[in-house]
Structure formats: C-alpha cells, structure tokens
Amino acid sequence: MAPVLSCLVGRVRARSQFRGSCLVVSNRTCIAGLAALPLAEASAIFYLAPVLLTALSALLLRERVPTRDLGALQPIRAKRQPVVRAREHGV
C-alpha cells in the first residue's frame, strides 16, 4: 500500500472508532438516565421522540415538514396528554 493511502485508511479507521465510542457512551448515558426516571415518564419520552425529532429537524436543520407528517404525529400527542396531566396533579 502506498504511504499516502495507508495514512488515509488509518485516519478513516480512527474516525470510525471515535464515532463508535461516542455512540456507545451516548447510549449508555441515555439508558442510565431513563433508568432513574419513573416508568410513566420514561415511556412518555419514548412516545414523544418522533415529535421531538420532527420539531427539532424543522427548527435546527430548517427542513420542511410535510403536513401528512404532522397529521401522523397527532395520535402520539394525544397519548402524551394523560401523562402530562397526571404529572401536573402529582399523581
């Protein structure tokens, strides 16, 4: 292998290992954080993940969100309401 190509392969491998390590650390901290939450709040976070991703993609990445995507998110928002209301009332 040529020295230049060998150097590039080494950089790509190092970058992949770094990205993989970051993914492992982020997954472990996410699971540890969810383990500390009550079950209702942890499940509410999982239900709200598509809503949050859609909202953040529109705000941060300036993506256009189709109306059918917004319509598909309505049942998820309806499931969120009882959890939020129970939390407000201290149940």
PDB file of N, CA and C in Angstrom:
ATOM      1  N   MET A   1       0.840  -1.171   0.000  1.00  0.00           N
ATOM      2  CA  MET A   1       0.000   0.000   0.000  1.00  0.00           C
ATOM      3  C   MET A   1       0.888   1.239   0.000  1.00  0.00           C
ATOM      4  N   ALA A   2       0.486   2.219  -0.741  1.00  0.00           N
ATOM      5  CA  ALA A   2       1.255   3.463  -0.785  1.00  0.00           C
ATOM      6  C   ALA A   2       1.161   4.174   0.559  1.00  0.00           C
ATOM      7  N   PRO A   3       2.202   4.929   0.921  1.00  0.00           N
ATOM      8  CA  PRO A   3       2.183   5.611   2.220  1.00  0.00           C
ATOM      9  C   PRO A   3       1.003   6.577   2.385  1.00  0.00           C
ATOM     10  N   VAL A   4       0.634   7.262   1.324  1.00  0.00           N
ATOM     11  CA  VAL A   4      -0.485   8.217   1.419  1.00  0.00           C
ATOM     12  C   VAL A   4      -1.789   7.469   1.671  1.00  0.00           C
ATOM     13  N   LEU A   5      -1.999   6.381   0.942  1.00  0.00           N
ATOM     14  CA  LEU A   5      -3.215   5.603   1.107  1.00  0.00           C
ATOM     15  C   LEU A   5      -3.268   4.968   2.494  1.00  0.00           C
ATOM     16  N   SER A   6      -2.150   4.514   2.979  1.00  0.00           N
ATOM     17  CA  SER A   6      -2.089   3.928   4.317  1.00  0.00           C
ATOM     18  C   SER A   6      -2.447   4.959   5.376  1.00  0.00           C
ATOM     19  N   CYS A   7      -1.976   6.177   5.204  1.00  0.00           N
ATOM     20  CA  CYS A   7      -2.281   7.249   6.152  1.00  0.00           C
ATOM     21  C   CYS A   7      -3.775   7.576   6.135  1.00  0.00           C
ATOM     22  N   LEU A   8      -4.392   7.593   4.954  1.00  0.00           N
ATOM     23  CA  LEU A   8      -5.819   7.883   4.846  1.00  0.00           C
ATOM     24  C   LEU A   8      -6.661   6.783   5.472  1.00  0.00           C
ATOM     25  N   VAL A   9      -6.269   5.540   5.260  1.00  0.00           N
ATOM     26  CA  VAL A   9      -7.007   4.416   5.830  1.00  0.00           C
ATOM     27  C   VAL A   9      -6.935   4.472   7.352  1.00  0.00           C
ATOM     28  N   GLY A  10      -5.783   4.833   7.880  1.00  0.00           N
ATOM     29  CA  GLY A  10      -5.630   4.958   9.325  1.00  0.00           C
ATOM     30  C   GLY A  10      -6.509   6.054   9.899  1.00  0.00           C
ATOM     31  N   ARG A  11      -6.631   7.170   9.196  1.00  0.00           N
ATOM     32  CA  ARG A  11      -7.490   8.274   9.665  1.00  0.00           C
ATOM     33  C   ARG A  11      -8.954   7.882   9.649  1.00  0.00           C
ATOM     34  N   VAL A  12      -9.360   7.195   8.592  1.00  0.00           N
ATOM     35  CA  VAL A  12     -10.753   6.769   8.487  1.00  0.00           C
ATOM     36  C   VAL A  12     -11.074   5.775   9.596  1.00  0.00           C
ATOM     37  N   ARG A  13     -10.177   4.850   9.859  1.00  0.00           N
ATOM     38  CA  ARG A  13     -10.397   3.861  10.908  1.00  0.00           C
ATOM     39  C   ARG A  13     -10.467   4.545  12.277  1.00  0.00           C
ATOM     40  N   ALA A  14      -9.593   5.497  12.526  1.00  0.00           N
ATOM     41  CA  ALA A  14      -9.601   6.210  13.802  1.00  0.00           C
ATOM     42  C   ALA A  14     -10.893   7.007  13.967  1.00  0.00           C
ATOM     43  N   ARG A  15     -11.348   7.636  12.895  1.00  0.00           N
ATOM     44  CA  ARG A  15     -12.599   8.396  12.949  1.00  0.00           C
ATOM     45  C   ARG A  15     -13.784   7.466  13.215  1.00  0.00           C
ATOM     46  N   SER A  16     -13.799   6.306  12.591  1.00  0.00           N
ATOM     47  CA  SER A  16     -14.880   5.345  12.814  1.00  0.00           C
ATOM     48  C   SER A  16     -14.879   4.840  14.251  1.00  0.00           C
ATOM     49  N   GLN A  17     -13.695   4.594  14.786  1.00  0.00           N
ATOM     50  CA  GLN A  17     -13.616   4.139  16.171  1.00  0.00           C
ATOM     51  C   GLN A  17     -14.091   5.225  17.126  1.00  0.00           C
ATOM     52  N   PHE A  18     -13.760   6.464  16.840  1.00  0.00           N
ATOM     53  CA  PHE A  18     -14.211   7.571  17.680  1.00  0.00           C
ATOM     54  C   PHE A  18     -15.725   7.703  17.634  1.00  0.00           C
ATOM     55  N   ARG A  19     -16.295   7.626  16.440  1.00  0.00           N
ATOM     56  CA  ARG A  19     -17.746   7.730  16.296  1.00  0.00           C
ATOM     57  C   ARG A  19     -18.446   6.577  16.999  1.00  0.00           C
ATOM     58  N   GLY A  20     -17.880   5.382  16.887  1.00  0.00           N
ATOM     59  CA  GLY A  20     -18.454   4.231  17.576  1.00  0.00           C
ATOM     60  C   GLY A  20     -18.392   4.380  19.082  1.00  0.00           C
ATOM     61  N   SER A  21     -17.286   4.911  19.581  1.00  0.00           N
ATOM     62  CA  SER A  21     -17.148   5.133  21.022  1.00  0.00           C
ATOM     63  C   SER A  21     -18.149   6.169  21.514  1.00  0.00           C
ATOM     64  N   CYS A  22     -18.340   7.222  20.739  1.00  0.00           N
ATOM     65  CA  CYS A  22     -19.330   8.242  21.110  1.00  0.00           C
ATOM     66  C   CYS A  22     -20.738   7.655  21.140  1.00  0.00           C
ATOM     67  N   LEU A  23     -21.038   6.781  20.207  1.00  0.00           N
ATOM     68  CA  LEU A  23     -22.353   6.148  20.167  1.00  0.00           C
ATOM     69  C   LEU A  23     -22.575   5.266  21.395  1.00  0.00           C
ATOM     70  N   VAL A  24     -21.559   4.515  21.776  1.00  0.00           N
ATOM     71  CA  VAL A  24     -21.675   3.657  22.959  1.00  0.00           C
ATOM     72  C   VAL A  24     -21.882   4.498  24.214  1.00  0.00           C
ATOM     73  N   VAL A  25     -21.115   5.558  24.357  1.00  0.00           N
ATOM     74  CA  VAL A  25     -21.238   6.420  25.542  1.00  0.00           C
ATOM     75  C   VAL A  25     -22.616   7.079  25.581  1.00  0.00           C
ATOM     76  N   SER A  26     -23.100   7.568  24.456  1.00  0.00           N
ATOM     77  CA  SER A  26     -24.406   8.235  24.451  1.00  0.00           C
ATOM     78  C   SER A  26     -25.532   7.249  24.747  1.00  0.00           C
ATOM     79  N   ASN A  27     -25.440   6.035  24.231  1.00  0.00           N
ATOM     80  CA  ASN A  27     -26.472   5.037  24.528  1.00  0.00           C
ATOM     81  C   ASN A  27     -26.471   4.659  26.003  1.00  0.00           C
ATOM     82  N   ARG A  28     -25.279   4.484  26.565  1.00  0.00           N
ATOM     83  CA  ARG A  28     -25.203   4.119  27.991  1.00  0.00           C
ATOM     84  C   ARG A  28     -25.749   5.232  28.882  1.00  0.00           C
ATOM     85  N   THR A  29     -25.430   6.481  28.571  1.00  0.00           N
ATOM     86  CA  THR A  29     -25.943   7.569  29.404  1.00  0.00           C
ATOM     87  C   THR A  29     -27.454   7.738  29.236  1.00  0.00           C
ATOM     88  N   CYS A  30     -27.958   7.476  28.043  1.00  0.00           N
ATOM     89  CA  CYS A  30     -29.409   7.547  27.821  1.00  0.00           C
ATOM     90  C   CYS A  30     -30.120   6.483  28.647  1.00  0.00           C
ATOM     91  N   ILE A  31     -29.629   5.267  28.623  1.00  0.00           N
ATOM     92  CA  ILE A  31     -30.249   4.178  29.388  1.00  0.00           C
ATOM     93  C   ILE A  31     -30.138   4.447  30.881  1.00  0.00           C
ATOM     94  N   ALA A  32     -28.988   4.948  31.328  1.00  0.00           N
ATOM     95  CA  ALA A  32     -28.820   5.256  32.748  1.00  0.00           C
ATOM     96  C   ALA A  32     -29.778   6.364  33.179  1.00  0.00           C
ATOM     97  N   GLY A  33     -29.969   7.367  32.334  1.00  0.00           N
ATOM     98  CA  GLY A  33     -30.901   8.435  32.655  1.00  0.00           C
ATOM     99  C   GLY A  33     -32.336   7.957  32.691  1.00  0.00           C
ATOM    100  N   LEU A  34     -32.703   7.090  31.751  1.00  0.00           N
ATOM    101  CA  LEU A  34     -34.070   6.566  31.730  1.00  0.00           C
ATOM    102  C   LEU A  34     -34.327   5.628  32.901  1.00  0.00           C
ATOM    103  N   ALA A  35     -33.284   4.943  33.353  1.00  0.00           N
ATOM    104  CA  ALA A  35     -33.450   4.042  34.495  1.00  0.00           C
ATOM    105  C   ALA A  35     -33.757   4.821  35.771  1.00  0.00           C
ATOM    106  N   ALA A  36     -33.322   6.069  35.838  1.00  0.00           N
ATOM    107  CA  ALA A  36     -33.560   6.887  37.026  1.00  0.00           C
ATOM    108  C   ALA A  36     -34.951   7.531  37.020  1.00  0.00           C
ATOM    109  N   LEU A  37     -35.643   7.493  35.898  1.00  0.00           N
ATOM    110  CA  LEU A  37     -36.967   8.112  35.795  1.00  0.00           C
ATOM    111  C   LEU A  37     -38.066   7.128  36.183  1.00  0.00           C
ATOM    112  N   PRO A  38     -39.204   7.639  36.627  1.00  0.00           N
ATOM    113  CA  PRO A  38     -40.364   6.754  36.812  1.00  0.00           C
ATOM    114  C   PRO A  38     -40.800   6.179  35.464  1.00  0.00           C
ATOM    115  N   LEU A  39     -41.455   5.029  35.522  1.00  0.00           N
ATOM    116  CA  LEU A  39     -41.822   4.311  34.305  1.00  0.00           C
ATOM    117  C   LEU A  39     -42.720   5.140  33.390  1.00  0.00           C
ATOM    118  N   ALA A  40     -43.664   5.870  33.940  1.00  0.00           N
ATOM    119  CA  ALA A  40     -44.582   6.658  33.108  1.00  0.00           C
ATOM    120  C   ALA A  40     -43.842   7.746  32.338  1.00  0.00           C
ATOM    121  N   GLU A  41     -42.897   8.393  32.992  1.00  0.00           N
ATOM    122  CA  GLU A  41     -42.155   9.448  32.303  1.00  0.00           C
ATOM    123  C   GLU A  41     -41.204   8.879  31.261  1.00  0.00           C
ATOM    124  N   ALA A  42     -40.599   7.743  31.545  1.00  0.00           N
ATOM    125  CA  ALA A  42     -39.698   7.119  30.573  1.00  0.00           C
ATOM    126  C   ALA A  42     -40.469   6.695  29.322  1.00  0.00           C
ATOM    127  N   SER A  43     -41.649   6.126  29.503  1.00  0.00           N
ATOM    128  CA  SER A  43     -42.437   5.724  28.333  1.00  0.00           C
ATOM    129  C   SER A  43     -42.950   6.947  27.578  1.00  0.00           C
ATOM    130  N   ALA A  44     -43.242   8.032  28.297  1.00  0.00           N
ATOM    131  CA  ALA A  44     -43.677   9.263  27.626  1.00  0.00           C
ATOM    132  C   ALA A  44     -42.561   9.827  26.763  1.00  0.00           C
ATOM    133  N   ILE A  45     -41.334   9.715  27.223  1.00  0.00           N
ATOM    134  CA  ILE A  45     -40.196  10.193  26.422  1.00  0.00           C
ATOM    135  C   ILE A  45     -40.085   9.383  25.141  1.00  0.00           C
ATOM    136  N   PHE A  46     -40.282   8.062  25.242  1.00  0.00           N
ATOM    137  CA  PHE A  46     -40.210   7.235  24.036  1.00  0.00           C
ATOM    138  C   PHE A  46     -41.348   7.548  23.071  1.00  0.00           C
ATOM    139  N   TYR A  47     -42.537   7.844  23.607  1.00  0.00           N
ATOM    140  CA  TYR A  47     -43.648   8.220  22.734  1.00  0.00           C
ATOM    141  C   TYR A  47     -43.399   9.569  22.070  1.00  0.00           C
ATOM    142  N   LEU A  48     -42.756  10.463  22.778  1.00  0.00           N
ATOM    143  CA  LEU A  48     -42.544  11.812  22.254  1.00  0.00           C
ATOM    144  C   LEU A  48     -41.320  11.937  21.352  1.00  0.00           C
ATOM    145  N   ALA A  49     -40.499  10.926  21.267  1.00  0.00           N
ATOM    146  CA  ALA A  49     -39.283  11.019  20.460  1.00  0.00           C
ATOM    147  C   ALA A  49     -39.564  11.427  19.007  1.00  0.00           C
ATOM    148  N   PRO A  50     -40.545  10.831  18.313  1.00  0.00           N
ATOM    149  CA  PRO A  50     -40.807  11.286  16.936  1.00  0.00           C
ATOM    150  C   PRO A  50     -41.255  12.738  16.853  1.00  0.00           C
ATOM    151  N   VAL A  51     -42.029  13.188  17.834  1.00  0.00           N
ATOM    152  CA  VAL A  51     -42.487  14.581  17.841  1.00  0.00           C
ATOM    153  C   VAL A  51     -41.292  15.513  18.030  1.00  0.00           C
ATOM    154  N   LEU A  52     -40.420  15.166  18.970  1.00  0.00           N
ATOM    155  CA  LEU A  52     -39.253  16.000  19.230  1.00  0.00           C
ATOM    156  C   LEU A  52     -38.314  16.035  18.027  1.00  0.00           C
ATOM    157  N   LEU A  53     -38.104  14.881  17.404  1.00  0.00           N
ATOM    158  CA  LEU A  53     -37.221  14.842  16.234  1.00  0.00           C
ATOM    159  C   LEU A  53     -37.779  15.670  15.082  1.00  0.00           C
ATOM    160  N   THR A  54     -39.077  15.593  14.888  1.00  0.00           N
ATOM    161  CA  THR A  54     -39.692  16.375  13.811  1.00  0.00           C
ATOM    162  C   THR A  54     -39.576  17.866  14.094  1.00  0.00           C
ATOM    163  N   ALA A  55     -39.854  18.250  15.322  1.00  0.00           N
ATOM    164  CA  ALA A  55     -39.777  19.671  15.680  1.00  0.00           C
ATOM    165  C   ALA A  55     -38.346  20.193  15.579  1.00  0.00           C
ATOM    166  N   LEU A  56     -37.387  19.412  16.084  1.00  0.00           N
ATOM    167  CA  LEU A  56     -36.000  19.865  16.045  1.00  0.00           C
ATOM    168  C   LEU A  56     -35.438  19.881  14.629  1.00  0.00           C
ATOM    169  N   SER A  57     -35.891  18.953  13.780  1.00  0.00           N
ATOM    170  CA  SER A  57     -35.407  18.981  12.397  1.00  0.00           C
ATOM    171  C   SER A  57     -35.905  20.229  11.675  1.00  0.00           C
ATOM    172  N   ALA A  58     -37.116  20.647  12.009  1.00  0.00           N
ATOM    173  CA  ALA A  58     -37.645  21.870  11.387  1.00  0.00           C
ATOM    174  C   ALA A  58     -36.929  23.110  11.925  1.00  0.00           C
ATOM    175  N   LEU A  59     -36.657  23.128  13.221  1.00  0.00           N
ATOM    176  CA  LEU A  59     -36.039  24.310  13.819  1.00  0.00           C
ATOM    177  C   LEU A  59     -34.543  24.399  13.559  1.00  0.00           C
ATOM    178  N   LEU A  60     -33.832  23.314  13.811  1.00  0.00           N
ATOM    179  CA  LEU A  60     -32.372  23.375  13.728  1.00  0.00           C
ATOM    180  C   LEU A  60     -31.834  23.162  12.320  1.00  0.00           C
ATOM    181  N   LEU A  61     -32.427  22.219  11.587  1.00  0.00           N
ATOM    182  CA  LEU A  61     -31.930  21.904  10.248  1.00  0.00           C
ATOM    183  C   LEU A  61     -32.684  22.630   9.149  1.00  0.00           C
ATOM    184  N   ARG A  62     -33.725  23.355   9.547  1.00  0.00           N
ATOM    185  CA  ARG A  62     -34.548  24.113   8.605  1.00  0.00           C
ATOM    186  C   ARG A  62     -35.148  23.229   7.500  1.00  0.00           C
ATOM    187  N   GLU A  63     -35.559  22.020   7.907  1.00  0.00           N
ATOM    188  CA  GLU A  63     -36.220  21.120   6.963  1.00  0.00           C
ATOM    189  C   GLU A  63     -37.695  21.477   6.883  1.00  0.00           C
ATOM    190  N   ARG A  64     -38.263  21.215   5.731  1.00  0.00           N
ATOM    191  CA  ARG A  64     -39.691  21.434   5.549  1.00  0.00           C
ATOM    192  C   ARG A  64     -40.428  20.174   5.998  1.00  0.00           C
ATOM    193  N   VAL A  65     -41.375  20.308   6.901  1.00  0.00           N
ATOM    194  CA  VAL A  65     -42.125  19.169   7.413  1.00  0.00           C
ATOM    195  C   VAL A  65     -43.440  19.070   6.655  1.00  0.00           C
ATOM    196  N   PRO A  66     -43.670  17.951   5.950  1.00  0.00           N
ATOM    197  CA  PRO A  66     -44.926  17.806   5.211  1.00  0.00           C
ATOM    198  C   PRO A  66     -46.125  17.732   6.162  1.00  0.00           C
ATOM    199  N   THR A  67     -47.269  18.151   5.682  1.00  0.00           N
ATOM    200  CA  THR A  67     -48.465  18.157   6.526  1.00  0.00           C
ATOM    201  C   THR A  67     -48.888  16.740   6.909  1.00  0.00           C
ATOM    202  N   ARG A  68     -48.627  15.762   6.059  1.00  0.00           N
ATOM    203  CA  ARG A  68     -49.001  14.386   6.422  1.00  0.00           C
ATOM    204  C   ARG A  68     -48.168  13.886   7.598  1.00  0.00           C
ATOM    205  N   ASP A  69     -46.930  14.366   7.726  1.00  0.00           N
ATOM    206  CA  ASP A  69     -46.121  14.002   8.891  1.00  0.00           C
ATOM    207  C   ASP A  69     -46.706  14.609  10.156  1.00  0.00           C
ATOM    208  N   LEU A  70     -47.157  15.843  10.060  1.00  0.00           N
ATOM    209  CA  LEU A  70     -47.785  16.480  11.219  1.00  0.00           C
ATOM    210  C   LEU A  70     -49.073  15.759  11.612  1.00  0.00           C
ATOM    211  N   GLY A  71     -49.821  15.313  10.616  1.00  0.00           N
ATOM    212  CA  GLY A  71     -51.042  14.548  10.907  1.00  0.00           C
ATOM    213  C   GLY A  71     -50.740  13.205  11.544  1.00  0.00           C
ATOM    214  N   ALA A  72     -49.641  12.585  11.142  1.00  0.00           N
ATOM    215  CA  ALA A  72     -49.268  11.294  11.717  1.00  0.00           C
ATOM    216  C   ALA A  72     -48.797  11.437  13.162  1.00  0.00           C
ATOM    217  N   LEU A  73     -48.366  12.614  13.542  1.00  0.00           N
ATOM    218  CA  LEU A  73     -47.884  12.832  14.903  1.00  0.00           C
ATOM    219  C   LEU A  73     -49.006  13.148  15.889  1.00  0.00           C
ATOM    220  N   GLN A  74     -50.208  13.407  15.417  1.00  0.00           N
ATOM    221  CA  GLN A  74     -51.314  13.773  16.306  1.00  0.00           C
ATOM    222  C   GLN A  74     -51.681  12.667  17.296  1.00  0.00           C
ATOM    223  N   PRO A  75     -51.761  11.397  16.895  1.00  0.00           N
ATOM    224  CA  PRO A  75     -52.066  10.353  17.894  1.00  0.00           C
ATOM    225  C   PRO A  75     -50.996  10.254  18.982  1.00  0.00           C
ATOM    226  N   ILE A  76     -49.765  10.532  18.642  1.00  0.00           N
ATOM    227  CA  ILE A  76     -48.695  10.489  19.632  1.00  0.00           C
ATOM    228  C   ILE A  76     -48.895  11.607  20.644  1.00  0.00           C
ATOM    229  N   ARG A  77     -49.260  12.780  20.174  1.00  0.00           N
ATOM    230  CA  ARG A  77     -49.506  13.897  21.083  1.00  0.00           C
ATOM    231  C   ARG A  77     -50.709  13.604  21.980  1.00  0.00           C
ATOM    232  N   ALA A  78     -51.698  12.876  21.464  1.00  0.00           N
ATOM    233  CA  ALA A  78     -52.875  12.535  22.276  1.00  0.00           C
ATOM    234  C   ALA A  78     -52.493  11.569  23.397  1.00  0.00           C
ATOM    235  N   LYS A  79     -51.555  10.665  23.143  1.00  0.00           N
ATOM    236  CA  LYS A  79     -51.107   9.741  24.189  1.00  0.00           C
ATOM    237  C   LYS A  79     -50.290  10.453  25.251  1.00  0.00           C
ATOM    238  N   ARG A  80     -49.674  11.541  24.888  1.00  0.00           N
ATOM    239  CA  ARG A  80     -48.835  12.280  25.827  1.00  0.00           C
ATOM    240  C   ARG A  80     -49.666  13.012  26.870  1.00  0.00           C
ATOM    241  N   GLN A  81     -50.837  13.462  26.506  1.00  0.00           N
ATOM    242  CA  GLN A  81     -51.643  14.303  27.385  1.00  0.00           C
ATOM    243  C   GLN A  81     -51.931  13.695  28.752  1.00  0.00           C
ATOM    244  N   PRO A  82     -52.368  12.421  28.856  1.00  0.00           N
ATOM    245  CA  PRO A  82     -52.653  11.892  30.200  1.00  0.00           C
ATOM    246  C   PRO A  82     -51.422  11.872  31.109  1.00  0.00           C
ATOM    247  N   VAL A  83     -50.244  11.615  30.561  1.00  0.00           N
ATOM    248  CA  VAL A  83     -49.033  11.572  31.375  1.00  0.00           C
ATOM    249  C   VAL A  83     -48.707  12.956  31.890  1.00  0.00           C
ATOM    250  N   VAL A  84     -48.822  13.954  31.039  1.00  0.00           N
ATOM    251  CA  VAL A  84     -48.516  15.321  31.447  1.00  0.00           C
ATOM    252  C   VAL A  84     -49.521  15.796  32.476  1.00  0.00           C
ATOM    253  N   ARG A  85     -50.780  15.516  32.285  1.00  0.00           N
ATOM    254  CA  ARG A  85     -51.813  15.946  33.245  1.00  0.00           C
ATOM    255  C   ARG A  85     -51.644  15.248  34.581  1.00  0.00           C
ATOM    256  N   ALA A  86     -51.298  13.957  34.576  1.00  0.00           N
ATOM    257  CA  ALA A  86     -51.075  13.251  35.839  1.00  0.00           C
ATOM    258  C   ALA A  86     -49.876  13.829  36.581  1.00  0.00           C
ATOM    259  N   ARG A  87     -48.855  14.205  35.855  1.00  0.00           N
ATOM    260  CA  ARG A  87     -47.673  14.796  36.470  1.00  0.00           C
ATOM    261  C   ARG A  87     -47.992  16.166  37.086  1.00  0.00           C
ATOM    262  N   GLU A  88     -48.834  16.936  36.426  1.00  0.00           N
ATOM    263  CA  GLU A  88     -49.208  18.258  36.948  1.00  0.00           C
ATOM    264  C   GLU A  88     -49.986  18.149  38.260  1.00  0.00           C
ATOM    265  N   HIS A  89     -50.781  17.081  38.387  1.00  0.00           N
ATOM    266  CA  HIS A  89     -51.616  16.912  39.574  1.00  0.00           C
ATOM    267  C   HIS A  89     -50.918  16.100  40.664  1.00  0.00           C
ATOM    268  N   GLY A  90     -49.684  15.689  40.424  1.00  0.00           N
ATOM    269  CA  GLY A  90     -48.923  14.975  41.430  1.00  0.00           C
ATOM    270  C   GLY A  90     -49.318  13.524  41.610  1.00  0.00           C
ATOM    271  N   VAL A  91     -49.901  12.934  40.583  1.00  0.00           N
ATOM    272  CA  VAL A  91     -50.302  11.526  40.671  1.00  0.00           C
ATOM    273  C   VAL A  91     -49.145  10.634  40.337  1.00  0.00           C
TER     274      VAL A  91
END
